[in-house]
Amino acid sequence: RTLIILISIGDGLIGVYLVLIAGVDLHYRGEFCAKEIEWLLSTYCSLLGILSTTGSQISLFSMTFLSLTRFIGISRSFQMSLADTKYKISKLIGTCITIIIFSISIAVLPLVPVLEDHFVNALYFPNINFLKGFTTKQDLSFVISNHYGAVTYNIDQLSWKTLRLLLHGMFTKSYGGITERTLNFYGNDPVCLFKFFVQFGEPQTTYVWSVLAINFSCFILISISYAKVLLVSIRSSSSFSQGGVAAVARRRNNRLQRKITMIIATDFFCWIPFILTSFLHTIHVIDASPSYGLFSIVILPINSVINPILYDEYLVKIFRTRAKRISLLKRSEARRERPTLELTNFSVKNQQGTNTTTTA
């Protein structure tokens, strides 16, 4: 239950992200083009990116650990002493804390100022007329090279800090100073999503593909673990003899098999499109940058929407109860309408018979 609660927290964060990004859309509607730079540079955009990344990673890591727990549980005996129970509870709490810390670290690490050379793509200088829009390292290198003349070092390999110092040296104190703002990792697109789509040469390529590799490994672990549980369930169903108890057990196993199939399918449709699209974008086969909106609104929330149904038995019972009630109501309404229809048909037939008799 602790892991299911943790999955719910992660899915809840994704839900909050979707509500907030919808609110931003309403707020900037009709004027976003004029406010786009302001939004991409804002702290609010970075916070939304942290929120969505933390939620998706918490949910994924929790599902992975839950699947491994079930895999181990079905491979070993469930019986254990009180001391073992206390040890496993403390181990579970430690695991949950680790999942939360690791997920937050993945989301926050790209915003650490010391690591800006690995994550920052551009700067923005609102009061420098010849640097319009976002200025990349290549743009700054070109400007600085033309100002200072020939240099003996590779200017493309300079840090952002050094480039700033060189740029500031181009202006006198009477200019009034240079105002600059940083385009952070999550400002790559208006939906402020984790920058999954990178290309070789971009500073964050190694980090992004490390995270994608971790997520793909989680998907593989989840698939293998539940495939083992599914196999055991199928074998146990085939070994049942005929009878009432066996029929109940078979129905329970069939529900488990459907649930496991749905878990693997939703994980597949959530993460494999991300990974495949990121790979094709990295090797320049497609340009996936315009697809951030689709992935943030449609693909990313797949797990978050379906997980409550797959993992929470209480919600499943509620849905089944409501479905049964609706079905019963429809049946009762249909039964009430039948006598009326039959009576109407009987009256029409009688009237036709009377008319025939009168004519004769």
Foldseek 3Di string as FASTA:
>chain_A
DVLLVQLLVLLVLLVVLVVVLVVVCVVCPPPCVVCLVVLLQDPVLLVSQLSNQLSLQSNLLSLLVVLVVLLVPVVDPPDDDPVVVVVVVVVVVVSSVVSNVVSSCLSCVQVPVVCVQQWFAFKAWPPDVVDPDTHGQVNLLVVLCVQVPDDDDDSSPDGPVVSVVSVQVVDDVVVPDIDMTTRTQQSLDSSSHHPLADAPPHSNPVSSVVVLVVSVVSLVSSLVSLVSVLVVLVVVLVPFDDDDVSVVSNVVSVVSNVLSVVVSVLSCQQRVVSVVVNVCSHVPVDPCSVVPVVNSPPRNSSCSVCVCCSPPVVVVVVVVVVVVVVVVVVVVVVVVVVVVVVVVVVVVVVVVVVVVVVVD
